[in-house]
Amino acid sequence: MNSTLPRPSLLAAALFDTASQLRAAGRAGSPPRPLRGKNLALLTPWPDDATAQALACAAQALGAQVVIVRLGSLPPVETPAFAETLALLGRLYDGVLTDGVPPAIVRELGDCVDRPLLDGALQSAIALACDEADVDLLLQALLVQSMA
């Protein structure tokens, strides 16, 4: 079967390679800032949640500016203004991160936004990490690969 999508093992290898590059640069005393100049929106129902804060900190450590958008501050889902607001996020920001957002809204966001969209990044980093110390590094690698 021919496929244009990389195999999951290739994606994981690229992710771990990015994490290794980030670690090496940090150890060399020059923390990389590959997201410098990027403006990201973090859409979440819980702005003070530890996961949302971890995402924001990881992106900021890579040089991005992060604006936290509380899901409850958007117009009601059933109104046309909701989709218009999602599309506006795509025009205002270079990428959108989501945390704790219902899957139906993430799908609608993906339909409305022509920018990179990353959902569930911290959970993915936790699942891939061999130990707790690697979670932040893998989270940063996911952000670099998704948003750079």
Protein backbone atom coordinates (compact mmCIF):
# COMPACT_ATOMS: atom_id res chain seq x y z
CA MET A 1 0.00 0.00 0.00
CA ASN A 2 1.42 3.37 -1.03
CA SER A 3 0.93 6.16 1.46
CA THR A 4 2.02 9.77 1.50
CA LEU A 5 1.95 9.87 5.29
CA PRO A 6 5.12 8.97 7.20
CA ARG A 7 4.97 5.80 9.26
CA PRO A 8 4.46 6.40 13.00
CA SER A 9 7.97 5.11 13.68
CA LEU A 10 9.40 7.80 11.38
CA LEU A 11 7.36 10.49 13.12
CA ALA A 12 8.57 9.31 16.53
CA ALA A 13 12.17 9.19 15.29
CA ALA A 14 11.90 12.77 14.01
CA LEU A 15 10.39 13.87 17.32
CA PHE A 16 13.18 12.28 19.36
CA ASP A 17 15.76 13.78 16.99
CA THR A 18 14.28 17.24 17.56
CA ALA A 19 14.30 16.63 21.33
CA SER A 20 17.98 15.61 21.14
CA GLN A 21 18.84 18.77 19.22
CA LEU A 22 17.01 20.93 21.76
CA ARG A 23 18.80 19.18 24.64
CA ALA A 24 22.22 19.57 22.99
CA ALA A 25 21.68 23.26 22.30
CA GLY A 26 20.54 23.84 25.88
CA ARG A 27 23.59 22.04 27.26
CA ALA A 28 25.85 24.09 25.00
CA GLY A 29 24.53 27.21 26.71
CA SER A 30 22.48 28.52 23.83
CA PRO A 31 18.86 27.56 24.42
CA PRO A 32 17.15 27.41 21.03
CA ARG A 33 14.38 29.85 20.23
CA PRO A 34 12.87 28.32 17.06
CA LEU A 35 9.45 29.83 17.81
CA ARG A 36 10.77 33.38 18.24
CA GLY A 37 8.39 35.76 16.51
CA LYS A 38 5.49 33.29 16.60
CA ASN A 39 2.25 34.31 18.27
CA LEU A 40 0.29 31.33 19.53
CA ALA A 41 -3.19 31.05 21.00
CA LEU A 42 -3.82 28.50 23.72
CA LEU A 43 -7.52 27.64 23.81
CA THR A 44 -8.55 26.04 27.09
CA PRO A 45 -11.50 25.98 29.46
CA TRP A 46 -9.09 26.12 32.42
CA PRO A 47 -6.41 28.82 31.99
CA ASP A 48 -4.92 28.20 35.44
CA ASP A 49 -4.73 24.43 34.99
CA ALA A 50 -1.26 22.86 35.28
CA THR A 51 -1.50 21.43 31.75
CA ALA A 52 -2.35 24.79 30.20
CA GLN A 53 0.47 26.44 32.13
CA ALA A 54 2.93 23.72 31.03
CA LEU A 55 1.98 24.28 27.38
CA ALA A 56 2.34 28.04 27.69
CA CYS A 57 5.71 27.76 29.47
CA ALA A 58 7.07 25.28 26.91
CA ALA A 59 6.11 27.53 24.00
CA GLN A 60 7.49 30.63 25.73
CA ALA A 61 10.77 28.83 26.45
CA LEU A 62 11.07 28.33 22.68
CA GLY A 63 10.55 32.04 22.04
CA ALA A 64 6.82 32.17 21.25
CA GLN A 65 4.38 34.70 22.60
CA VAL A 66 1.36 32.87 24.03
CA VAL A 67 -2.10 34.26 24.59
CA ILE A 68 -4.43 32.12 26.67
CA VAL A 69 -7.99 32.17 25.35
CA ARG A 70 -10.58 30.82 27.77
CA LEU A 71 -13.05 28.61 25.93
CA GLY A 72 -15.92 30.10 27.97
CA SER A 73 -15.12 33.58 26.65
CA LEU A 74 -16.10 32.60 23.11
CA PRO A 75 -19.63 33.01 21.75
CA PRO A 76 -22.03 30.08 22.29
CA VAL A 77 -21.13 27.04 20.17
CA GLU A 78 -24.49 26.92 18.41
CA THR A 79 -24.19 30.47 17.02
CA PRO A 80 -22.59 31.57 13.73
CA ALA A 81 -20.39 33.91 15.78
CA PHE A 82 -18.63 30.87 17.28
CA ALA A 83 -17.25 29.67 13.92
CA GLU A 84 -16.39 33.26 12.98
CA THR A 85 -14.43 33.64 16.21
CA LEU A 86 -12.55 30.40 15.57
CA ALA A 87 -11.63 31.64 12.10
CA LEU A 88 -10.46 34.90 13.64
CA LEU A 89 -8.06 32.97 15.86
CA GLY A 90 -6.51 31.59 12.68
CA ARG A 91 -6.02 35.07 11.29
CA LEU A 92 -4.63 36.58 14.48
CA TYR A 93 -2.23 33.82 15.51
CA ASP A 94 0.48 31.75 13.85
CA GLY A 95 -0.81 28.57 15.49
CA VAL A 96 -3.35 27.30 17.99
CA LEU A 97 -2.78 24.96 20.93
CA THR A 98 -5.72 23.35 22.67
CA ASP A 99 -6.04 21.78 26.10
CA GLY A 100 -9.20 20.27 27.55
CA VAL A 101 -11.27 21.33 24.54
CA PRO A 102 -14.03 18.90 23.50
CA PRO A 103 -13.12 16.91 20.35
CA ALA A 104 -16.04 18.34 18.34
CA ILE A 105 -14.75 21.87 18.93
CA VAL A 106 -11.19 20.83 18.05
CA ARG A 107 -12.51 19.40 14.75
CA GLU A 108 -14.44 22.59 14.04
CA LEU A 109 -11.37 24.63 14.89
CA GLY A 110 -9.36 22.52 12.44
CA ASP A 111 -11.96 23.27 9.76
CA CYS A 112 -11.94 27.02 10.45
CA VAL A 113 -8.22 27.65 10.96
CA ASP A 114 -5.59 27.45 8.25
CA ARG A 115 -2.76 27.51 10.79
CA PRO A 116 -1.02 24.73 12.69
CA LEU A 117 -3.25 23.19 15.36
CA LEU A 118 -1.91 21.05 18.19
CA ASP A 119 -4.25 19.22 20.56
CA GLY A 120 -3.23 16.97 23.43
CA ALA A 121 0.46 17.81 23.30
CA LEU A 122 1.24 17.27 26.97
CA GLN A 123 -0.55 13.93 27.04
CA SER A 124 1.43 12.85 23.97
CA ALA A 125 4.72 13.94 25.54
CA ILE A 126 3.90 12.01 28.72
CA ALA A 127 3.03 8.89 26.70
CA LEU A 128 6.31 9.05 24.76
CA ALA A 129 8.66 9.95 27.60
CA CYS A 130 10.83 7.22 29.07
CA ASP A 131 11.01 9.11 32.33
CA GLU A 132 9.46 12.21 33.85
CA ALA A 133 12.54 14.32 33.16
CA ASP A 134 11.98 14.00 29.40
CA VAL A 135 8.38 15.22 29.34
CA ASP A 136 9.20 18.95 29.02
CA LEU A 137 11.78 18.29 26.33
CA LEU A 138 9.38 16.12 24.31
CA LEU A 139 6.66 18.73 24.74
CA GLN A 140 8.99 21.35 23.32
CA ALA A 141 9.91 19.01 20.45
CA LEU A 142 6.21 18.53 19.65
CA LEU A 143 5.73 22.29 19.63
CA VAL A 144 8.73 22.84 17.35
CA GLN A 145 7.59 20.20 14.88
CA SER A 146 4.01 21.46 14.89
CA MET A 147 4.49 25.21 14.97
CA ALA A 148 7.89 26.05 13.43
